[in-house]
Each structure stands twice: as structure tokens, then as C-alpha cells.
N, C-alpha and C. Protein backbone atom coordinates (compact mmCIF):
# COMPACT_ATOMS: atom_id res chain seq x y z
N MET A 1 13.15 -69.32 -14.80
CA MET A 1 12.36 -69.13 -16.00
C MET A 1 11.06 -69.91 -15.86
N ALA A 2 10.18 -69.42 -15.06
CA ALA A 2 8.97 -70.15 -14.76
C ALA A 2 7.93 -70.04 -15.87
N ASP A 3 7.44 -68.83 -16.15
CA ASP A 3 6.36 -68.72 -17.12
C ASP A 3 6.64 -67.74 -18.24
N ASP A 4 7.84 -67.19 -18.33
CA ASP A 4 8.17 -66.30 -19.44
C ASP A 4 9.66 -66.36 -19.71
N LEU A 5 10.05 -65.89 -20.88
CA LEU A 5 11.46 -65.84 -21.22
C LEU A 5 12.15 -64.85 -20.28
N PRO A 6 13.44 -65.05 -20.04
CA PRO A 6 14.12 -64.16 -19.09
C PRO A 6 14.10 -62.71 -19.55
N ASP A 7 14.34 -61.82 -18.62
CA ASP A 7 14.33 -60.38 -18.89
C ASP A 7 15.55 -60.03 -19.72
N LEU A 8 15.37 -59.97 -21.04
CA LEU A 8 16.45 -59.68 -21.98
C LEU A 8 16.08 -58.49 -22.83
N ASP A 9 16.96 -58.15 -23.74
CA ASP A 9 16.72 -57.10 -24.72
C ASP A 9 15.44 -57.46 -25.51
N PRO A 10 14.54 -56.52 -25.74
CA PRO A 10 13.29 -56.82 -26.46
C PRO A 10 13.54 -57.42 -27.86
N HIS A 11 14.59 -56.93 -28.53
CA HIS A 11 14.91 -57.47 -29.85
C HIS A 11 15.31 -58.94 -29.75
N LEU A 12 16.10 -59.29 -28.75
CA LEU A 12 16.53 -60.67 -28.55
C LEU A 12 15.34 -61.55 -28.15
N THR A 13 14.47 -61.03 -27.30
CA THR A 13 13.28 -61.77 -26.91
C THR A 13 12.39 -62.05 -28.13
N ALA A 14 12.26 -61.06 -29.01
CA ALA A 14 11.47 -61.25 -30.23
C ALA A 14 12.10 -62.32 -31.12
N ARG A 15 13.43 -62.31 -31.23
CA ARG A 15 14.13 -63.34 -32.03
C ARG A 15 13.87 -64.73 -31.47
N LEU A 16 13.92 -64.86 -30.14
CA LEU A 16 13.69 -66.16 -29.51
C LEU A 16 12.26 -66.63 -29.73
N ARG A 17 11.31 -65.72 -29.61
CA ARG A 17 9.90 -66.09 -29.86
C ARG A 17 9.70 -66.51 -31.32
N ALA A 18 10.34 -65.80 -32.24
CA ALA A 18 10.22 -66.12 -33.66
C ALA A 18 10.85 -67.48 -33.96
N ALA A 19 11.89 -67.84 -33.19
CA ALA A 19 12.54 -69.14 -33.38
C ALA A 19 11.72 -70.27 -32.75
N GLY A 20 10.65 -69.92 -32.04
CA GLY A 20 9.77 -70.94 -31.48
C GLY A 20 10.17 -71.39 -30.08
N VAL A 21 10.97 -70.60 -29.37
CA VAL A 21 11.39 -70.96 -28.02
C VAL A 21 10.26 -70.62 -27.06
N ARG A 22 9.83 -71.60 -26.29
CA ARG A 22 8.79 -71.39 -25.29
C ARG A 22 9.41 -71.47 -23.90
N PRO A 23 8.83 -70.78 -22.95
CA PRO A 23 9.34 -70.84 -21.58
C PRO A 23 9.32 -72.29 -21.09
N GLY A 24 10.33 -72.67 -20.39
CA GLY A 24 10.40 -74.03 -19.86
C GLY A 24 11.15 -74.98 -20.76
N GLU A 25 11.38 -74.61 -22.01
CA GLU A 25 12.12 -75.48 -22.93
C GLU A 25 13.63 -75.34 -22.77
N VAL A 26 14.06 -74.23 -22.18
CA VAL A 26 15.48 -73.94 -22.05
C VAL A 26 15.90 -74.10 -20.59
N VAL A 27 16.92 -74.91 -20.37
CA VAL A 27 17.48 -75.09 -19.04
C VAL A 27 18.70 -74.17 -18.94
N GLU A 28 18.70 -73.32 -17.96
CA GLU A 28 19.77 -72.34 -17.78
C GLU A 28 20.55 -72.71 -16.52
N ARG A 29 21.88 -72.85 -16.66
CA ARG A 29 22.73 -73.17 -15.51
C ARG A 29 23.89 -72.19 -15.46
N PHE A 30 24.37 -71.97 -14.27
CA PHE A 30 25.55 -71.13 -14.07
C PHE A 30 26.61 -72.01 -13.43
N VAL A 31 27.75 -72.14 -14.10
CA VAL A 31 28.80 -73.03 -13.62
C VAL A 31 30.12 -72.28 -13.53
N ARG A 32 31.07 -72.90 -12.86
CA ARG A 32 32.40 -72.30 -12.77
C ARG A 32 33.10 -72.45 -14.11
N GLY A 33 33.85 -71.44 -14.46
CA GLY A 33 34.54 -71.44 -15.74
C GLY A 33 35.79 -72.30 -15.71
N SER A 34 36.49 -72.29 -16.82
CA SER A 34 37.74 -73.04 -16.93
C SER A 34 38.74 -72.17 -17.67
N GLY A 35 39.98 -72.57 -17.64
CA GLY A 35 41.01 -71.84 -18.34
C GLY A 35 41.74 -70.88 -17.43
N PRO A 36 42.50 -69.95 -18.03
CA PRO A 36 43.30 -69.03 -17.21
C PRO A 36 42.41 -68.09 -16.41
N GLY A 37 42.91 -67.63 -15.30
CA GLY A 37 42.15 -66.72 -14.46
C GLY A 37 42.44 -66.94 -12.99
N GLY A 38 43.02 -68.08 -12.67
CA GLY A 38 43.42 -68.35 -11.30
C GLY A 38 42.28 -68.45 -10.32
N GLN A 39 42.49 -67.88 -9.15
CA GLN A 39 41.53 -68.03 -8.06
C GLN A 39 40.16 -67.45 -8.42
N LYS A 40 40.14 -66.34 -9.15
CA LYS A 40 38.87 -65.69 -9.49
C LYS A 40 37.98 -66.62 -10.31
N ILE A 41 38.54 -67.28 -11.31
CA ILE A 41 37.75 -68.16 -12.19
C ILE A 41 37.29 -69.40 -11.44
N ASN A 42 38.08 -69.82 -10.43
CA ASN A 42 37.74 -71.02 -9.69
C ASN A 42 36.69 -70.78 -8.61
N LYS A 43 36.47 -69.52 -8.22
CA LYS A 43 35.53 -69.22 -7.13
C LYS A 43 34.17 -68.74 -7.61
N THR A 44 34.10 -68.18 -8.82
CA THR A 44 32.83 -67.59 -9.27
C THR A 44 32.20 -68.44 -10.36
N SER A 45 30.89 -68.45 -10.35
CA SER A 45 30.14 -69.19 -11.38
C SER A 45 29.65 -68.21 -12.43
N SER A 46 30.55 -67.72 -13.25
CA SER A 46 30.19 -66.71 -14.23
C SER A 46 29.90 -67.31 -15.61
N THR A 47 30.18 -68.59 -15.80
CA THR A 47 29.91 -69.24 -17.09
C THR A 47 28.43 -69.62 -17.16
N VAL A 48 27.80 -69.33 -18.29
CA VAL A 48 26.38 -69.62 -18.48
C VAL A 48 26.25 -70.76 -19.48
N VAL A 49 25.44 -71.76 -19.12
CA VAL A 49 25.18 -72.90 -20.01
C VAL A 49 23.68 -72.95 -20.25
N LEU A 50 23.29 -72.88 -21.52
CA LEU A 50 21.88 -72.98 -21.91
C LEU A 50 21.69 -74.24 -22.73
N ARG A 51 20.60 -74.96 -22.47
CA ARG A 51 20.29 -76.16 -23.25
C ARG A 51 18.83 -76.10 -23.68
N HIS A 52 18.62 -76.11 -25.00
CA HIS A 52 17.26 -76.12 -25.55
C HIS A 52 16.84 -77.57 -25.67
N GLU A 53 15.95 -78.01 -24.82
CA GLU A 53 15.59 -79.43 -24.71
C GLU A 53 15.04 -80.05 -26.01
N PRO A 54 14.09 -79.41 -26.70
CA PRO A 54 13.53 -80.05 -27.90
C PRO A 54 14.56 -80.34 -29.00
N THR A 55 15.53 -79.46 -29.17
CA THR A 55 16.51 -79.65 -30.25
C THR A 55 17.82 -80.22 -29.75
N GLY A 56 18.07 -80.12 -28.44
CA GLY A 56 19.33 -80.62 -27.90
C GLY A 56 20.49 -79.67 -28.10
N ILE A 57 20.23 -78.47 -28.57
CA ILE A 57 21.29 -77.48 -28.79
C ILE A 57 21.75 -76.96 -27.43
N GLU A 58 23.08 -76.97 -27.22
CA GLU A 58 23.63 -76.48 -25.97
C GLU A 58 24.62 -75.36 -26.26
N VAL A 59 24.54 -74.29 -25.50
CA VAL A 59 25.41 -73.13 -25.66
C VAL A 59 26.11 -72.89 -24.33
N ARG A 60 27.41 -72.66 -24.42
CA ARG A 60 28.21 -72.36 -23.22
C ARG A 60 28.95 -71.06 -23.48
N CYS A 61 28.79 -70.08 -22.58
CA CYS A 61 29.40 -68.78 -22.80
C CYS A 61 30.22 -68.36 -21.58
N GLN A 62 31.49 -68.03 -21.84
CA GLN A 62 32.42 -67.61 -20.78
C GLN A 62 33.28 -66.45 -21.29
N ARG A 63 32.73 -65.64 -22.17
CA ARG A 63 33.53 -64.57 -22.80
C ARG A 63 33.93 -63.48 -21.83
N GLU A 64 32.99 -63.08 -20.96
CA GLU A 64 33.21 -61.95 -20.07
C GLU A 64 33.38 -62.43 -18.63
N ARG A 65 33.81 -61.51 -17.77
CA ARG A 65 33.93 -61.85 -16.35
C ARG A 65 32.58 -61.73 -15.65
N SER A 66 31.67 -60.99 -16.26
CA SER A 66 30.37 -60.75 -15.67
C SER A 66 29.38 -61.85 -16.07
N GLN A 67 28.69 -62.39 -15.07
CA GLN A 67 27.68 -63.41 -15.34
C GLN A 67 26.53 -62.83 -16.16
N ALA A 68 26.13 -61.60 -15.89
CA ALA A 68 25.02 -60.97 -16.62
C ALA A 68 25.37 -60.80 -18.10
N ASP A 69 26.60 -60.36 -18.39
CA ASP A 69 27.02 -60.20 -19.78
C ASP A 69 27.08 -61.55 -20.49
N ASN A 70 27.59 -62.55 -19.79
CA ASN A 70 27.66 -63.89 -20.38
C ASN A 70 26.27 -64.46 -20.63
N ARG A 71 25.34 -64.11 -19.77
CA ARG A 71 23.96 -64.60 -19.92
C ARG A 71 23.32 -64.04 -21.19
N VAL A 72 23.48 -62.76 -21.40
CA VAL A 72 22.93 -62.12 -22.61
C VAL A 72 23.61 -62.70 -23.86
N ALA A 73 24.92 -62.87 -23.80
CA ALA A 73 25.66 -63.41 -24.94
C ALA A 73 25.23 -64.85 -25.23
N ALA A 74 24.98 -65.63 -24.19
CA ALA A 74 24.57 -67.02 -24.38
C ALA A 74 23.18 -67.09 -25.02
N TRP A 75 22.26 -66.25 -24.56
CA TRP A 75 20.92 -66.24 -25.16
C TRP A 75 20.98 -65.80 -26.63
N ALA A 76 21.83 -64.83 -26.92
CA ALA A 76 21.98 -64.38 -28.31
C ALA A 76 22.55 -65.51 -29.17
N GLU A 77 23.53 -66.23 -28.64
CA GLU A 77 24.13 -67.34 -29.39
C GLU A 77 23.12 -68.46 -29.60
N LEU A 78 22.29 -68.73 -28.60
CA LEU A 78 21.24 -69.74 -28.75
C LEU A 78 20.25 -69.33 -29.85
N ALA A 79 19.87 -68.06 -29.86
CA ALA A 79 18.97 -67.56 -30.92
C ALA A 79 19.62 -67.73 -32.29
N ASP A 80 20.92 -67.42 -32.40
CA ASP A 80 21.64 -67.58 -33.67
C ASP A 80 21.61 -69.03 -34.14
N LYS A 81 21.89 -69.94 -33.23
CA LYS A 81 21.94 -71.36 -33.59
C LYS A 81 20.57 -71.88 -34.01
N LEU A 82 19.52 -71.46 -33.30
CA LEU A 82 18.17 -71.90 -33.65
C LEU A 82 17.74 -71.34 -35.01
N GLU A 83 18.09 -70.07 -35.27
CA GLU A 83 17.77 -69.48 -36.57
C GLU A 83 18.54 -70.17 -37.69
N ALA A 84 19.81 -70.49 -37.45
CA ALA A 84 20.60 -71.19 -38.47
C ALA A 84 20.02 -72.57 -38.74
N ARG A 85 19.57 -73.24 -37.71
CA ARG A 85 18.96 -74.57 -37.88
C ARG A 85 17.68 -74.46 -38.71
N ARG A 86 16.87 -73.44 -38.41
CA ARG A 86 15.63 -73.26 -39.16
C ARG A 86 15.91 -72.92 -40.63
N ARG A 87 16.93 -72.06 -40.87
CA ARG A 87 17.29 -71.73 -42.25
C ARG A 87 17.78 -72.98 -43.00
N GLY A 88 18.54 -73.81 -42.31
CA GLY A 88 19.03 -75.04 -42.93
C GLY A 88 17.89 -75.98 -43.31
N GLN A 89 16.91 -76.09 -42.44
CA GLN A 89 15.75 -76.94 -42.73
C GLN A 89 14.95 -76.37 -43.90
N ALA A 90 14.77 -75.06 -43.93
CA ALA A 90 14.03 -74.43 -45.02
C ALA A 90 14.78 -74.61 -46.34
N ALA A 91 16.10 -74.52 -46.30
CA ALA A 91 16.90 -74.71 -47.52
C ALA A 91 16.79 -76.14 -48.01
N ALA A 92 16.76 -77.11 -47.09
CA ALA A 92 16.63 -78.51 -47.48
C ALA A 92 15.28 -78.78 -48.15
N VAL A 93 14.23 -78.18 -47.61
CA VAL A 93 12.90 -78.35 -48.21
C VAL A 93 12.88 -77.74 -49.61
N GLN A 94 13.48 -76.56 -49.75
CA GLN A 94 13.54 -75.89 -51.05
C GLN A 94 14.33 -76.73 -52.06
N GLN A 95 15.44 -77.31 -51.62
CA GLN A 95 16.24 -78.17 -52.51
C GLN A 95 15.45 -79.39 -52.96
N ASP A 96 14.67 -79.98 -52.05
CA ASP A 96 13.85 -81.13 -52.42
C ASP A 96 12.81 -80.74 -53.47
N ARG A 97 12.20 -79.57 -53.29
CA ARG A 97 11.22 -79.09 -54.28
C ARG A 97 11.86 -78.89 -55.65
N GLU A 98 13.04 -78.25 -55.63
CA GLU A 98 13.75 -77.98 -56.90
C GLU A 98 14.14 -79.29 -57.58
N LYS A 99 14.59 -80.26 -56.82
CA LYS A 99 14.99 -81.54 -57.38
C LYS A 99 13.80 -82.24 -58.03
N ALA A 100 12.66 -82.24 -57.34
CA ALA A 100 11.45 -82.85 -57.90
C ALA A 100 11.02 -82.13 -59.18
N ARG A 101 11.12 -80.80 -59.18
CA ARG A 101 10.74 -80.03 -60.37
C ARG A 101 11.65 -80.37 -61.55
N ARG A 102 12.97 -80.48 -61.29
CA ARG A 102 13.91 -80.82 -62.36
C ARG A 102 13.65 -82.23 -62.90
N GLN A 103 13.29 -83.15 -62.01
CA GLN A 103 13.06 -84.52 -62.45
C GLN A 103 11.79 -84.65 -63.28
N LYS A 104 10.80 -83.83 -63.00
CA LYS A 104 9.51 -83.95 -63.68
C LYS A 104 9.43 -83.18 -64.99
N ARG A 105 10.32 -82.22 -65.21
CA ARG A 105 10.19 -81.38 -66.39
C ARG A 105 10.51 -82.15 -67.67
N GLN A 106 9.96 -81.65 -68.77
CA GLN A 106 10.17 -82.27 -70.09
C GLN A 106 11.62 -82.14 -70.51
N LYS A 107 12.10 -83.14 -71.21
CA LYS A 107 13.47 -83.09 -71.75
C LYS A 107 13.46 -82.25 -73.02
N SER A 108 14.54 -81.54 -73.24
CA SER A 108 14.62 -80.72 -74.44
C SER A 108 14.84 -81.62 -75.66
N ARG A 109 14.61 -81.05 -76.84
CA ARG A 109 14.78 -81.80 -78.08
C ARG A 109 16.23 -82.28 -78.23
N ALA A 110 17.17 -81.40 -77.92
CA ALA A 110 18.59 -81.76 -78.03
C ALA A 110 18.95 -82.88 -77.05
N GLN A 111 18.36 -82.83 -75.88
CA GLN A 111 18.63 -83.86 -74.88
C GLN A 111 18.10 -85.21 -75.34
N LYS A 112 16.93 -85.22 -75.98
CA LYS A 112 16.36 -86.47 -76.49
C LYS A 112 17.24 -87.04 -77.60
N VAL A 113 17.75 -86.15 -78.46
CA VAL A 113 18.63 -86.60 -79.55
C VAL A 113 19.89 -87.23 -78.96
N ARG A 114 20.48 -86.58 -77.96
CA ARG A 114 21.68 -87.13 -77.32
C ARG A 114 21.40 -88.50 -76.70
N MET A 115 20.24 -88.66 -76.10
CA MET A 115 19.89 -89.95 -75.49
C MET A 115 19.80 -91.04 -76.55
N ILE A 116 19.17 -90.73 -77.69
CA ILE A 116 19.01 -91.72 -78.75
C ILE A 116 20.36 -92.09 -79.34
N VAL A 117 21.23 -91.11 -79.54
CA VAL A 117 22.57 -91.38 -80.06
C VAL A 117 23.33 -92.28 -79.09
N ALA A 118 23.22 -91.99 -77.80
CA ALA A 118 23.92 -92.81 -76.80
C ALA A 118 23.38 -94.23 -76.79
N LYS A 119 22.06 -94.39 -76.94
CA LYS A 119 21.47 -95.73 -76.95
C LYS A 119 21.94 -96.52 -78.16
N LYS A 120 21.99 -95.87 -79.33
CA LYS A 120 22.44 -96.56 -80.55
C LYS A 120 23.90 -96.95 -80.42
N HIS A 121 24.70 -96.07 -79.84
CA HIS A 121 26.13 -96.36 -79.65
C HIS A 121 26.29 -97.59 -78.75
N ARG A 122 25.54 -97.62 -77.66
CA ARG A 122 25.62 -98.74 -76.72
C ARG A 122 25.11 -100.02 -77.38
N ALA A 123 24.05 -99.93 -78.17
CA ALA A 123 23.50 -101.10 -78.85
C ALA A 123 24.53 -101.67 -79.83
N GLY A 124 25.30 -100.78 -80.48
CA GLY A 124 26.35 -101.25 -81.39
C GLY A 124 27.40 -102.05 -80.65
N HIS A 125 27.79 -101.61 -79.48
CA HIS A 125 28.77 -102.36 -78.67
C HIS A 125 28.21 -103.73 -78.29
N LYS A 126 26.96 -103.75 -77.89
CA LYS A 126 26.36 -105.01 -77.46
C LYS A 126 26.21 -105.98 -78.63
N ALA A 127 25.86 -105.45 -79.80
CA ALA A 127 25.66 -106.31 -80.97
C ALA A 127 27.00 -106.94 -81.41
N ALA A 128 28.09 -106.25 -81.18
CA ALA A 128 29.39 -106.76 -81.60
C ALA A 128 29.87 -107.91 -80.71
N ARG A 129 29.25 -108.11 -79.60
CA ARG A 129 29.70 -109.17 -78.69
C ARG A 129 29.47 -110.55 -79.28
N GLY A 130 28.44 -110.69 -79.98
CA GLY A 130 28.14 -112.01 -80.56
C GLY A 130 27.48 -112.91 -79.53
N ARG A 131 27.18 -114.07 -79.99
CA ARG A 131 26.45 -115.02 -79.16
C ARG A 131 27.43 -115.91 -78.42
N VAL A 132 27.12 -116.24 -77.20
CA VAL A 132 27.97 -117.12 -76.41
C VAL A 132 27.61 -118.55 -76.77
N ARG A 133 28.66 -119.33 -77.08
CA ARG A 133 28.42 -120.74 -77.43
C ARG A 133 28.99 -121.63 -76.37
N GLY A 134 28.28 -122.67 -76.07
CA GLY A 134 28.79 -123.64 -75.12
C GLY A 134 29.61 -124.69 -75.84
N ASP A 135 30.31 -125.57 -75.13
CA ASP A 135 31.09 -126.65 -75.76
C ASP A 135 30.15 -127.62 -76.42
N GLU A 136 30.45 -127.91 -77.69
CA GLU A 136 29.59 -128.83 -78.42
C GLU A 136 30.26 -130.13 -78.68
């Protein structure tokens, strides 16, 4: 992956570009798989591992026996994870905006009345305590 994203489905390439993936940011490795499969799994490097360096997101795909199929699936999974991360960040920003808006808005008349009633109730409790006297 020298100067462009790998040769993938155009739709997947567009998703990766929209997620902000630039060439050189993703390290692609092919490793031997694990699990059942015997000699075949131990001899072939069909598992694909992708690591997006800026975010630290790592994807490992070993679904198929074909390295090419696993490669496409791994890139798709990486795009999914990056999109989910971006949606999560956008949702957090939106929540912060909503929280600030709720905090700044005017209190309703009923809410003000409830606050005053609560303050008077609390003041009554405090007034009943009386004054603390020391030993005389």
C-alpha cells in the first residue's frame, strides 16, 4: 500500500476515504491462522490483520479459507469500526450541546414554585435545630 488504498470494491474504497483513511496509515499483515483446520491452517497465511495507526484500531479476519476474501472482509470491518467510532464522537458532541442548552434555558414557573417550596421546607428544618450552646 504505497500511495493509494488497496484495490477493493469502489463502494468500500469510498467508505474508507469518507472515514478519513489515508494511504500509509493502515498496516496490513498476513499471518497464519489459529483454531481447527489441521495442517492446512498451519501452512498457509490466510488470516489478514489490519491496524489503523492513528486510532489504534486493529482488525483480524479469518472467516474464509481464501486470503483474498479475508482481505476484503477485514477492510470492510475496519471501515465499519471507523464509522462507528466517528458516529460515537458525533453523538458525544451532540449530547454536550444538548446538555449545555438544557442548563442555560429558563426555568418554568412551576419549577420555580417547587424550588421555593423546597427551600422553605428546608429552612423550617434548619430553624427547628436551635442554637448550639457550650458548657457554661
